[in-house]
PDB file of N, CA and C in Angstrom:
ATOM      1  N   MET A   1      23.108 -72.981  46.604  1.00  0.00           N
ATOM      2  CA  MET A   1      22.291 -72.554  44.995  1.00  0.00           C
ATOM      3  C   MET A   1      21.434 -73.721  45.484  1.00  0.00           C
ATOM      4  N   GLN A   2      20.518 -74.337  45.171  1.00  0.00           N
ATOM      5  CA  GLN A   2      19.441 -75.671  45.189  1.00  0.00           C
ATOM      6  C   GLN A   2      19.707 -76.114  43.381  1.00  0.00           C
ATOM      7  N   ARG A   3      20.118 -77.562  43.513  1.00  0.00           N
ATOM      8  CA  ARG A   3      20.002 -78.183  42.329  1.00  0.00           C
ATOM      9  C   ARG A   3      18.863 -79.063  41.847  1.00  0.00           C
ATOM     10  N   HIS A   4      18.620 -78.843  40.843  1.00  0.00           N
ATOM     11  CA  HIS A   4      17.875 -79.444  40.275  1.00  0.00           C
ATOM     12  C   HIS A   4      17.700 -80.354  38.932  1.00  0.00           C
ATOM     13  N   SER A   5      17.223 -81.332  38.362  1.00  0.00           N
ATOM     14  CA  SER A   5      16.882 -82.381  37.388  1.00  0.00           C
ATOM     15  C   SER A   5      16.158 -82.456  36.811  1.00  0.00           C
ATOM     16  N   SER A   6      15.473 -82.498  35.558  1.00  0.00           N
ATOM     17  CA  SER A   6      14.271 -83.130  35.006  1.00  0.00           C
ATOM     18  C   SER A   6      14.594 -85.013  34.295  1.00  0.00           C
ATOM     19  N   LYS A   7      13.436 -85.654  34.803  1.00  0.00           N
ATOM     20  CA  LYS A   7      13.977 -86.826  34.909  1.00  0.00           C
ATOM     21  C   LYS A   7      14.286 -87.287  33.239  1.00  0.00           C
ATOM     22  N   GLY A   8      15.089 -88.342  33.382  1.00  0.00           N
ATOM     23  CA  GLY A   8      15.967 -88.201  31.881  1.00  0.00           C
ATOM     24  C   GLY A   8      16.830 -87.505  31.609  1.00  0.00           C
ATOM     25  N   ASP A   9      17.015 -86.058  32.348  1.00  0.00           N
ATOM     26  CA  ASP A   9      17.012 -85.554  31.787  1.00  0.00           C
ATOM     27  C   ASP A   9      18.900 -84.872  32.016  1.00  0.00           C
ATOM     28  N   VAL A  10      19.649 -84.785  31.315  1.00  0.00           N
ATOM     29  CA  VAL A  10      21.166 -84.911  31.309  1.00  0.00           C
ATOM     30  C   VAL A  10      21.550 -82.983  32.415  1.00  0.00           C
ATOM     31  N   THR A  11      20.531 -82.405  31.648  1.00  0.00           N
ATOM     32  CA  THR A  11      20.558 -80.749  32.040  1.00  0.00           C
ATOM     33  C   THR A  11      20.618 -81.146  33.613  1.00  0.00           C
ATOM     34  N   ARG A  12      21.328 -80.762  34.047  1.00  0.00           N
ATOM     35  CA  ARG A  12      20.984 -79.967  35.587  1.00  0.00           C
ATOM     36  C   ARG A  12      20.714 -78.158  36.071  1.00  0.00           C
ATOM     37  N   GLY A  13      19.758 -77.935  36.911  1.00  0.00           N
ATOM     38  CA  GLY A  13      19.712 -76.443  36.686  1.00  0.00           C
ATOM     39  C   GLY A  13      20.097 -76.121  38.472  1.00  0.00           C
ATOM     40  N   LEU A  14      21.161 -74.701  38.141  1.00  0.00           N
ATOM     41  CA  LEU A  14      21.548 -74.568  39.285  1.00  0.00           C
ATOM     42  C   LEU A  14      20.549 -73.322  39.462  1.00  0.00           C
ATOM     43  N   CYS A  15      20.388 -72.826  40.907  1.00  0.00           N
ATOM     44  CA  CYS A  15      19.312 -71.558  41.180  1.00  0.00           C
ATOM     45  C   CYS A  15      20.200 -70.622  42.186  1.00  0.00           C
ATOM     46  N   VAL A  16      20.832 -69.930  41.065  1.00  0.00           N
ATOM     47  CA  VAL A  16      21.554 -68.741  42.099  1.00  0.00           C
ATOM     48  C   VAL A  16      21.217 -67.655  42.465  1.00  0.00           C
ATOM     49  N   THR A  17      21.081 -67.565  43.776  1.00  0.00           N
ATOM     50  CA  THR A  17      21.099 -66.014  44.492  1.00  0.00           C
ATOM     51  C   THR A  17      21.530 -65.002  44.048  1.00  0.00           C
ATOM     52  N   SER A  18      21.136 -63.932  43.238  1.00  0.00           N
ATOM     53  CA  SER A  18      21.955 -62.692  43.187  1.00  0.00           C
ATOM     54  C   SER A  18      22.424 -61.642  44.112  1.00  0.00           C
ATOM     55  N   ARG A  19      23.955 -61.660  44.900  1.00  0.00           N
ATOM     56  CA  ARG A  19      23.520 -60.429  45.455  1.00  0.00           C
ATOM     57  C   ARG A  19      24.536 -59.245  45.110  1.00  0.00           C
ATOM     58  N   LEU A  20      23.747 -58.274  44.265  1.00  0.00           N
ATOM     59  CA  LEU A  20      23.854 -57.193  43.478  1.00  0.00           C
ATOM     60  C   LEU A  20      24.188 -55.900  44.325  1.00  0.00           C
ATOM     61  N   TRP A  21      24.844 -55.619  43.463  1.00  0.00           N
ATOM     62  CA  TRP A  21      25.705 -54.312  44.591  1.00  0.00           C
ATOM     63  C   TRP A  21      25.030 -52.785  44.655  1.00  0.00           C
ATOM     64  N   PRO A  22      24.966 -52.512  45.285  1.00  0.00           N
ATOM     65  CA  PRO A  22      24.010 -51.343  46.528  1.00  0.00           C
ATOM     66  C   PRO A  22      23.403 -50.457  45.743  1.00  0.00           C
ATOM     67  N   SER A  23      24.570 -49.925  44.115  1.00  0.00           N
ATOM     68  CA  SER A  23      24.310 -48.977  43.154  1.00  0.00           C
ATOM     69  C   SER A  23      23.197 -49.735  41.951  1.00  0.00           C
ATOM     70  N   CYS A  24      23.161 -51.055  41.770  1.00  0.00           N
ATOM     71  CA  CYS A  24      22.424 -51.682  41.225  1.00  0.00           C
ATOM     72  C   CYS A  24      20.761 -51.236  41.773  1.00  0.00           C
ATOM     73  N   LYS A  25      19.843 -50.660  40.721  1.00  0.00           N
ATOM     74  CA  LYS A  25      18.614 -50.299  40.200  1.00  0.00           C
ATOM     75  C   LYS A  25      17.798 -51.690  40.606  1.00  0.00           C
ATOM     76  N   GLU A  26      17.872 -53.250  40.247  1.00  0.00           N
ATOM     77  CA  GLU A  26      17.464 -54.184  40.376  1.00  0.00           C
ATOM     78  C   GLU A  26      17.318 -54.391  42.078  1.00  0.00           C
ATOM     79  N   GLU A  27      16.123 -55.750  42.049  1.00  0.00           N
ATOM     80  CA  GLU A  27      15.610 -55.924  42.983  1.00  0.00           C
ATOM     81  C   GLU A  27      17.168 -56.481  43.920  1.00  0.00           C
ATOM     82  N   VAL A  28      17.480 -56.439  45.173  1.00  0.00           N
ATOM     83  CA  VAL A  28      18.281 -56.828  46.040  1.00  0.00           C
ATOM     84  C   VAL A  28      17.670 -59.046  46.588  1.00  0.00           C
ATOM     85  N   GLY A  29      18.291 -59.868  46.344  1.00  0.00           N
ATOM     86  CA  GLY A  29      18.406 -61.471  46.364  1.00  0.00           C
ATOM     87  C   GLY A  29      16.894 -61.583  45.378  1.00  0.00           C
ATOM     88  N   SER A  30      16.730 -61.422  44.233  1.00  0.00           N
ATOM     89  CA  SER A  30      15.941 -61.605  43.275  1.00  0.00           C
ATOM     90  C   SER A  30      17.273 -63.436  42.852  1.00  0.00           C
ATOM     91  N   VAL A  31      16.005 -64.391  42.478  1.00  0.00           N
ATOM     92  CA  VAL A  31      17.028 -65.449  42.239  1.00  0.00           C
ATOM     93  C   VAL A  31      16.999 -65.299  40.404  1.00  0.00           C
ATOM     94  N   VAL A  32      17.951 -66.183  40.484  1.00  0.00           N
ATOM     95  CA  VAL A  32      18.357 -66.629  38.113  1.00  0.00           C
ATOM     96  C   VAL A  32      18.667 -67.635  38.480  1.00  0.00           C
ATOM     97  N   SER A  33      17.591 -68.512  37.676  1.00  0.00           N
ATOM     98  CA  SER A  33      17.770 -70.263  37.188  1.00  0.00           C
ATOM     99  C   SER A  33      18.865 -70.098  36.196  1.00  0.00           C
ATOM    100  N   LEU A  34      19.772 -70.882  36.010  1.00  0.00           N
ATOM    101  CA  LEU A  34      20.656 -71.322  35.093  1.00  0.00           C
ATOM    102  C   LEU A  34      20.288 -73.065  34.655  1.00  0.00           C
ATOM    103  N   SER A  35      19.897 -73.517  33.889  1.00  0.00           N
ATOM    104  CA  SER A  35      21.222 -75.477  33.552  1.00  0.00           C
ATOM    105  C   SER A  35      21.900 -74.890  32.569  1.00  0.00           C
ATOM    106  N   LEU A  36      22.812 -75.750  33.190  1.00  0.00           N
ATOM    107  CA  LEU A  36      23.997 -76.436  32.727  1.00  0.00           C
ATOM    108  C   LEU A  36      24.140 -77.446  32.942  1.00  0.00           C
ATOM    109  N   SER A  37      24.830 -78.427  32.210  1.00  0.00           N
ATOM    110  CA  SER A  37      24.977 -79.658  31.838  1.00  0.00           C
ATOM    111  C   SER A  37      26.506 -79.875  32.514  1.00  0.00           C
ATOM    112  N   PRO A  38      26.998 -80.939  33.125  1.00  0.00           N
ATOM    113  CA  PRO A  38      27.965 -81.544  34.375  1.00  0.00           C
ATOM    114  C   PRO A  38      29.111 -80.699  33.409  1.00  0.00           C
ATOM    115  N   GLU A  39      29.635 -80.972  31.747  1.00  0.00           N
ATOM    116  CA  GLU A  39      30.399 -80.454  30.892  1.00  0.00           C
ATOM    117  C   GLU A  39      30.736 -78.357  31.546  1.00  0.00           C
ATOM    118  N   GLU A  40      29.597 -78.675  31.013  1.00  0.00           N
ATOM    119  CA  GLU A  40      29.415 -76.537  30.943  1.00  0.00           C
ATOM    120  C   GLU A  40      29.667 -76.319  32.379  1.00  0.00           C
ATOM    121  N   ALA A  41      29.330 -76.956  33.746  1.00  0.00           N
ATOM    122  CA  ALA A  41      29.590 -76.086  34.871  1.00  0.00           C
ATOM    123  C   ALA A  41      30.673 -76.467  35.457  1.00  0.00           C
ATOM    124  N   ARG A  42      31.338 -77.343  34.643  1.00  0.00           N
ATOM    125  CA  ARG A  42      33.238 -77.723  35.103  1.00  0.00           C
ATOM    126  C   ARG A  42      33.994 -76.210  33.974  1.00  0.00           C
ATOM    127  N   GLU A  43      33.394 -76.415  33.164  1.00  0.00           N
ATOM    128  CA  GLU A  43      33.663 -75.648  32.494  1.00  0.00           C
ATOM    129  C   GLU A  43      34.042 -73.652  32.682  1.00  0.00           C
ATOM    130  N   LEU A  44      32.651 -73.587  32.979  1.00  0.00           N
ATOM    131  CA  LEU A  44      31.876 -72.509  34.076  1.00  0.00           C
ATOM    132  C   LEU A  44      32.947 -72.148  35.203  1.00  0.00           C
ATOM    133  N   ALA A  45      33.566 -73.525  35.785  1.00  0.00           N
ATOM    134  CA  ALA A  45      33.948 -72.901  37.059  1.00  0.00           C
ATOM    135  C   ALA A  45      35.462 -72.870  36.437  1.00  0.00           C
ATOM    136  N   ASP A  46      36.101 -73.525  35.655  1.00  0.00           N
ATOM    137  CA  ASP A  46      37.613 -73.076  34.768  1.00  0.00           C
ATOM    138  C   ASP A  46      37.336 -71.782  34.407  1.00  0.00           C
ATOM    139  N   ILE A  47      36.817 -71.053  33.590  1.00  0.00           N
ATOM    140  CA  ILE A  47      36.481 -70.039  33.637  1.00  0.00           C
ATOM    141  C   ILE A  47      36.341 -68.852  34.859  1.00  0.00           C
ATOM    142  N   LEU A  48      36.225 -69.094  35.921  1.00  0.00           N
ATOM    143  CA  LEU A  48      36.403 -68.501  37.062  1.00  0.00           C
ATOM    144  C   LEU A  48      36.841 -68.201  37.928  1.00  0.00           C
ATOM    145  N   THR A  49      37.980 -69.650  37.650  1.00  0.00           N
ATOM    146  CA  THR A  49      38.646 -69.551  38.336  1.00  0.00           C
ATOM    147  C   THR A  49      39.756 -68.738  37.625  1.00  0.00           C
ATOM    148  N   SER A  50      39.730 -69.204  36.659  1.00  0.00           N
ATOM    149  CA  SER A  50      40.873 -67.690  35.370  1.00  0.00           C
ATOM    150  C   SER A  50      40.742 -66.699  35.986  1.00  0.00           C
ATOM    151  N   TYR A  51      39.274 -66.387  35.847  1.00  0.00           N
ATOM    152  CA  TYR A  51      39.068 -64.798  36.038  1.00  0.00           C
ATOM    153  C   TYR A  51      39.567 -64.843  37.338  1.00  0.00           C
ATOM    154  N   LEU A  52      39.400 -65.107  38.434  1.00  0.00           N
ATOM    155  CA  LEU A  52      39.941 -65.239  39.670  1.00  0.00           C
ATOM    156  C   LEU A  52      41.084 -64.902  39.836  1.00  0.00           C
ATOM    157  N   THR A  53      41.857 -64.866  39.582  1.00  0.00           N
ATOM    158  CA  THR A  53      43.751 -64.963  39.370  1.00  0.00           C
ATOM    159  C   THR A  53      43.977 -63.581  38.290  1.00  0.00           C
ATOM    160  N   ASP A  54      43.174 -63.054  37.997  1.00  0.00           N
ATOM    161  CA  ASP A  54      43.483 -62.113  36.979  1.00  0.00           C
ATOM    162  C   ASP A  54      42.619 -61.064  37.498  1.00  0.00           C
ATOM    163  N   LEU A  55      41.514 -61.451  38.260  1.00  0.00           N
ATOM    164  CA  LEU A  55      41.131 -60.215  38.867  1.00  0.00           C
ATOM    165  C   LEU A  55      42.129 -59.983  40.064  1.00  0.00           C
ATOM    166  N   ARG A  56      42.471 -60.778  41.254  1.00  0.00           N
ATOM    167  CA  ARG A  56      43.140 -60.825  42.404  1.00  0.00           C
ATOM    168  C   ARG A  56      44.419 -59.837  41.773  1.00  0.00           C
ATOM    169  N   MET A  57      45.181 -59.835  40.870  1.00  0.00           N
ATOM    170  CA  MET A  57      46.310 -59.068  40.481  1.00  0.00           C
ATOM    171  C   MET A  57      45.701 -57.841  39.949  1.00  0.00           C
ATOM    172  N   GLU A  58      44.266 -57.532  39.509  1.00  0.00           N
ATOM    173  CA  GLU A  58      43.619 -56.002  39.553  1.00  0.00           C
ATOM    174  C   GLU A  58      43.523 -55.696  40.739  1.00  0.00           C
ATOM    175  N   ILE A  59      43.467 -56.298  41.438  1.00  0.00           N
ATOM    176  CA  ILE A  59      42.683 -55.671  42.914  1.00  0.00           C
ATOM    177  C   ILE A  59      44.394 -55.044  43.254  1.00  0.00           C
ATOM    178  N   ALA A  60      45.279 -56.271  43.519  1.00  0.00           N
ATOM    179  CA  ALA A  60      46.737 -55.220  44.021  1.00  0.00           C
ATOM    180  C   ALA A  60      47.327 -54.593  43.117  1.00  0.00           C
ATOM    181  N   ASP A  61      46.796 -53.999  41.947  1.00  0.00           N
ATOM    182  CA  ASP A  61      47.346 -53.364  41.210  1.00  0.00           C
ATOM    183  C   ASP A  61      46.524 -52.077  41.312  1.00  0.00           C
ATOM    184  N   THR A  62      45.668 -51.830  41.560  1.00  0.00           N
ATOM    185  CA  THR A  62      44.748 -50.995  42.024  1.00  0.00           C
ATOM    186  C   THR A  62      44.743 -49.378  42.781  1.00  0.00           C
ATOM    187  N   ASP A  63      45.222 -48.452  42.434  1.00  0.00           N
ATOM    188  CA  ASP A  63      45.457 -47.707  43.490  1.00  0.00           C
ATOM    189  C   ASP A  63      43.782 -46.625  44.100  1.00  0.00           C
ATOM    190  N   GLN A  64      43.022 -46.639  42.937  1.00  0.00           N
ATOM    191  CA  GLN A  64      41.760 -46.290  43.437  1.00  0.00           C
ATOM    192  C   GLN A  64      41.008 -46.838  44.185  1.00  0.00           C
ATOM    193  N   LEU A  65      40.665 -46.158  45.640  1.00  0.00           N
ATOM    194  CA  LEU A  65      40.595 -47.112  46.544  1.00  0.00           C
ATOM    195  C   LEU A  65      38.706 -47.476  46.854  1.00  0.00           C
ATOM    196  N   ASP A  66      37.857 -47.010  45.654  1.00  0.00           N
ATOM    197  CA  ASP A  66      36.285 -46.890  45.781  1.00  0.00           C
ATOM    198  C   ASP A  66      36.391 -48.338  44.797  1.00  0.00           C
ATOM    199  N   TYR A  67      37.052 -47.838  44.015  1.00  0.00           N
ATOM    200  CA  TYR A  67      37.689 -49.259  42.880  1.00  0.00           C
ATOM    201  C   TYR A  67      38.044 -50.698  43.446  1.00  0.00           C
ATOM    202  N   ARG A  68      38.596 -50.068  44.328  1.00  0.00           N
ATOM    203  CA  ARG A  68      39.642 -51.711  44.716  1.00  0.00           C
ATOM    204  C   ARG A  68      38.386 -52.502  45.448  1.00  0.00           C
ATOM    205  N   GLU A  69      37.535 -51.747  46.320  1.00  0.00           N
ATOM    206  CA  GLU A  69      36.703 -52.141  46.791  1.00  0.00           C
ATOM    207  C   GLU A  69      35.353 -53.226  46.310  1.00  0.00           C
ATOM    208  N   THR A  70      35.400 -52.454  45.377  1.00  0.00           N
ATOM    209  CA  THR A  70      34.262 -52.547  43.923  1.00  0.00           C
ATOM    210  C   THR A  70      34.722 -54.064  43.520  1.00  0.00           C
ATOM    211  N   LEU A  71      35.999 -54.237  43.374  1.00  0.00           N
ATOM    212  CA  LEU A  71      36.933 -55.316  43.384  1.00  0.00           C
ATOM    213  C   LEU A  71      36.791 -56.486  43.882  1.00  0.00           C
ATOM    214  N   LYS A  72      36.944 -56.165  45.597  1.00  0.00           N
ATOM    215  CA  LYS A  72      37.019 -57.088  45.835  1.00  0.00           C
ATOM    216  C   LYS A  72      35.386 -57.594  46.514  1.00  0.00           C
ATOM    217  N   ARG A  73      34.414 -56.697  46.617  1.00  0.00           N
ATOM    218  CA  ARG A  73      32.917 -57.484  46.285  1.00  0.00           C
ATOM    219  C   ARG A  73      32.446 -58.314  45.264  1.00  0.00           C
ATOM    220  N   ARG A  74      33.634 -58.349  44.245  1.00  0.00           N
ATOM    221  CA  ARG A  74      33.430 -59.035  43.344  1.00  0.00           C
ATOM    222  C   ARG A  74      33.854 -59.838  42.744  1.00  0.00           C
ATOM    223  N   GLU A  75      34.891 -60.261  43.661  1.00  0.00           N
ATOM    224  CA  GLU A  75      36.108 -61.578  43.907  1.00  0.00           C
ATOM    225  C   GLU A  75      35.306 -62.241  45.081  1.00  0.00           C
ATOM    226  N   VAL A  76      34.794 -61.688  46.176  1.00  0.00           N
ATOM    227  CA  VAL A  76      33.862 -62.987  47.415  1.00  0.00           C
ATOM    228  C   VAL A  76      32.491 -63.342  46.618  1.00  0.00           C
ATOM    229  N   LEU A  77      32.137 -62.719  45.382  1.00  0.00           N
ATOM    230  CA  LEU A  77      30.660 -62.796  44.414  1.00  0.00           C
ATOM    231  C   LEU A  77      31.129 -64.515  43.736  1.00  0.00           C
ATOM    232  N   VAL A  78      32.585 -64.125  43.342  1.00  0.00           N
ATOM    233  CA  VAL A  78      32.785 -64.740  42.560  1.00  0.00           C
ATOM    234  C   VAL A  78      33.506 -66.114  42.889  1.00  0.00           C
ATOM    235  N   LYS A  79      34.204 -66.610  44.164  1.00  0.00           N
ATOM    236  CA  LYS A  79      34.525 -67.178  45.328  1.00  0.00           C
ATOM    237  C   LYS A  79      33.088 -67.977  45.909  1.00  0.00           C
ATOM    238  N   ASP A  80      32.368 -67.373  46.105  1.00  0.00           N
ATOM    239  CA  ASP A  80      30.566 -67.638  46.237  1.00  0.00           C
ATOM    240  C   ASP A  80      30.345 -68.327  45.056  1.00  0.00           C
ATOM    241  N   VAL A  81      30.536 -68.444  43.590  1.00  0.00           N
ATOM    242  CA  VAL A  81      29.938 -68.936  43.136  1.00  0.00           C
ATOM    243  C   VAL A  81      30.376 -69.942  42.518  1.00  0.00           C
ATOM    244  N   LEU A  82      32.116 -70.613  42.900  1.00  0.00           N
ATOM    245  CA  LEU A  82      32.787 -71.293  42.404  1.00  0.00           C
ATOM    246  C   LEU A  82      32.457 -72.792  43.813  1.00  0.00           C
ATOM    247  N   ALA A  83      32.297 -71.574  44.919  1.00  0.00           N
ATOM    248  CA  ALA A  83      31.954 -73.156  46.456  1.00  0.00           C
ATOM    249  C   ALA A  83      31.426 -73.932  45.988  1.00  0.00           C
ATOM    250  N   ARG A  84      30.139 -72.949  45.415  1.00  0.00           N
ATOM    251  CA  ARG A  84      28.444 -73.749  44.692  1.00  0.00           C
ATOM    252  C   ARG A  84      28.607 -74.788  44.392  1.00  0.00           C
ATOM    253  N   LEU A  85      29.201 -73.838  43.073  1.00  0.00           N
ATOM    254  CA  LEU A  85      29.450 -75.025  41.680  1.00  0.00           C
ATOM    255  C   LEU A  85      30.155 -76.176  41.918  1.00  0.00           C
ATOM    256  N   SER A  86      31.184 -76.343  42.707  1.00  0.00           N
ATOM    257  CA  SER A  86      32.402 -77.309  43.409  1.00  0.00           C
ATOM    258  C   SER A  86      31.120 -77.761  44.174  1.00  0.00           C
ATOM    259  N   ARG A  87      30.209 -78.016  45.322  1.00  0.00           N
ATOM    260  CA  ARG A  87      29.627 -78.523  46.153  1.00  0.00           C
ATOM    261  C   ARG A  87      28.605 -79.369  45.473  1.00  0.00           C
ATOM    262  N   ASP A  88      28.107 -78.820  43.988  1.00  0.00           N
ATOM    263  CA  ASP A  88      27.100 -79.770  43.812  1.00  0.00           C
ATOM    264  C   ASP A  88      27.488 -80.718  42.474  1.00  0.00           C
ATOM    265  N   GLU A  89      29.055 -80.453  42.201  1.00  0.00           N
ATOM    266  CA  GLU A  89      29.462 -81.334  41.497  1.00  0.00           C
ATOM    267  C   GLU A  89      29.202 -83.228  42.271  1.00  0.00           C
TER     268      GLU A  89
END
């Protein structure tokens, strides 16, 4: 993830490369740019951390193999975004 900011602007941008699932019809590897203030970045990290806890419980409780694999891929994606957010603080 690449961080950028404009001069005199407190808002920082986070460039995130999306890793889309094979079933998506969008272009794989496209880049999405999202500008967040430091407070927004912290809040997003808190939200994702909370979601990750719920997601792990859902993975453990899921019997359907295909759905479990989808959830595991989502878990990897969320962990990656969290790592990028914490790296850029």
